[in-house]
C-alpha atoms as a PDB file:
ATOM      1  CA  MET A   1     132.175 -73.459  99.212  1.00  0.00           C
ATOM      2  CA  ALA A   2     131.890 -70.533  96.810  1.00  0.00           C
ATOM      3  CA  SER A   3     128.772 -68.366  96.783  1.00  0.00           C
ATOM      4  CA  ARG A   4     126.588 -68.679  93.705  1.00  0.00           C
ATOM      5  CA  GLU A   5     124.962 -65.295  94.173  1.00  0.00           C
ATOM      6  CA  THR A   6     125.182 -62.925  91.249  1.00  0.00           C
ATOM      7  CA  PRO A   7     125.874 -59.191  91.586  1.00  0.00           C
ATOM      8  CA  LYS A   8     122.246 -58.501  90.606  1.00  0.00           C
ATOM      9  CA  SER A   9     120.901 -60.816  93.307  1.00  0.00           C
ATOM     10  CA  ILE A  10     123.242 -59.355  95.942  1.00  0.00           C
ATOM     11  CA  LEU A  11     122.099 -55.847  95.028  1.00  0.00           C
ATOM     12  CA  HIS A  12     118.439 -56.887  95.047  1.00  0.00           C
ATOM     13  CA  THR A  13     118.803 -58.409  98.531  1.00  0.00           C
ATOM     14  CA  TRP A  14     120.608 -55.286  99.783  1.00  0.00           C
ATOM     15  CA  THR A  15     117.824 -52.996  98.551  1.00  0.00           C
ATOM     16  CA  ILE A  16     115.193 -55.145 100.274  1.00  0.00           C
ATOM     17  CA  HIS A  17     117.110 -55.112 103.581  1.00  0.00           C
ATOM     18  CA  ASN A  18     117.470 -51.337 103.352  1.00  0.00           C
ATOM     19  CA  ASN A  19     113.819 -50.715 102.417  1.00  0.00           C
ATOM     20  CA  LEU A  20     114.773 -49.170  99.068  1.00  0.00           C
ATOM     21  CA  PRO A  21     112.910 -49.451  95.754  1.00  0.00           C
ATOM     22  CA  LYS A  22     114.103 -52.268  93.541  1.00  0.00           C
ATOM     23  CA  PRO A  23     116.980 -51.438  91.167  1.00  0.00           C
ATOM     24  CA  ILE A  24     116.042 -50.188  87.685  1.00  0.00           C
ATOM     25  CA  TYR A  25     118.187 -51.379  84.779  1.00  0.00           C
ATOM     26  CA  ILE A  26     118.180 -49.386  81.534  1.00  0.00           C
ATOM     27  CA  THR A  27     119.985 -51.233  78.770  1.00  0.00           C
ATOM     28  CA  GLU A  28     120.769 -49.738  75.387  1.00  0.00           C
ATOM     29  CA  THR A  29     121.727 -51.605  72.239  1.00  0.00           C
ATOM     30  CA  LYS A  30     124.259 -50.420  69.694  1.00  0.00           C
ATOM     31  CA  LEU A  31     123.513 -51.683  66.207  1.00  0.00           C
ATOM     32  CA  PRO A  32     124.706 -53.191  63.913  1.00  0.00           C
ATOM     33  CA  GLU A  33     127.335 -54.517  66.342  1.00  0.00           C
ATOM     34  CA  ARG A  34     124.641 -55.860  68.710  1.00  0.00           C
ATOM     35  CA  VAL A  35     126.491 -54.802  71.845  1.00  0.00           C
ATOM     36  CA  TYR A  36     124.896 -53.599  75.070  1.00  0.00           C
ATOM     37  CA  LYS A  37     125.536 -51.019  77.770  1.00  0.00           C
ATOM     38  CA  SER A  38     123.525 -50.625  80.970  1.00  0.00           C
ATOM     39  CA  THR A  39     122.705 -47.833  83.353  1.00  0.00           C
ATOM     40  CA  LEU A  40     121.409 -48.675  86.812  1.00  0.00           C
ATOM     41  CA  LYS A  41     119.319 -46.521  89.119  1.00  0.00           C
ATOM     42  CA  VAL A  42     119.462 -47.345  92.832  1.00  0.00           C
ATOM     43  CA  ASN A  43     118.140 -44.978  95.493  1.00  0.00           C
ATOM     44  CA  ASN A  44     118.016 -42.129  92.915  1.00  0.00           C
ATOM     45  CA  ILE A  45     121.712 -42.586  92.070  1.00  0.00           C
ATOM     46  CA  PHE A  46     122.759 -43.634  88.569  1.00  0.00           C
ATOM     47  CA  TYR A  47     125.596 -46.072  87.845  1.00  0.00           C
ATOM     48  CA  GLU A  48     126.967 -47.014  84.445  1.00  0.00           C
ATOM     49  CA  THR A  49     129.517 -49.337  82.902  1.00  0.00           C
ATOM     50  CA  PRO A  50     132.206 -47.793  80.700  1.00  0.00           C
ATOM     51  CA  TYR A  51     132.233 -50.736  78.258  1.00  0.00           C
ATOM     52  CA  TRP A  52     129.909 -52.227  75.676  1.00  0.00           C
ATOM     53  CA  GLU A  53     129.273 -55.963  76.222  1.00  0.00           C
ATOM     54  CA  VAL A  54     128.271 -58.645  73.741  1.00  0.00           C
ATOM     55  CA  ASN A  55     125.635 -60.067  76.093  1.00  0.00           C
ATOM     56  CA  LYS A  56     122.735 -58.161  77.678  1.00  0.00           C
ATOM     57  CA  GLN A  57     122.793 -60.237  80.865  1.00  0.00           C
ATOM     58  CA  LEU A  58     126.516 -59.651  81.303  1.00  0.00           C
ATOM     59  CA  THR A  59     126.161 -55.885  81.016  1.00  0.00           C
ATOM     60  CA  GLU A  60     123.446 -55.867  83.707  1.00  0.00           C
ATOM     61  CA  GLN A  61     125.653 -57.965  86.000  1.00  0.00           C
ATOM     62  CA  ALA A  62     128.584 -55.626  85.279  1.00  0.00           C
ATOM     63  CA  VAL A  63     126.649 -52.478  86.187  1.00  0.00           C
ATOM     64  CA  ALA A  64     125.429 -54.163  89.384  1.00  0.00           C
ATOM     65  CA  MET A  65     129.103 -54.810  90.260  1.00  0.00           C
ATOM     66  CA  VAL A  66     129.879 -51.118  89.678  1.00  0.00           C
ATOM     67  CA  CYS A  67     127.130 -50.211  92.142  1.00  0.00           C
ATOM     68  CA  ILE A  68     128.229 -52.761  94.765  1.00  0.00           C
ATOM     69  CA  GLU A  69     131.836 -51.573  94.722  1.00  0.00           C
END
């Protein structure tokens, strides 16, 4: 059976198990295109996606994947 955990939930669980502050997502919007790009701060390290996404939730999941990898 496939796991239904999202990258954000996996990262959140990892930070709890490692006694780290919760991840901070900073999402910017580019108008008028209405596309989004996120930066993530985990343990004082910043991660960022290279692409603009059409959905805010997707860009936060994408940056969490960058951090996990």
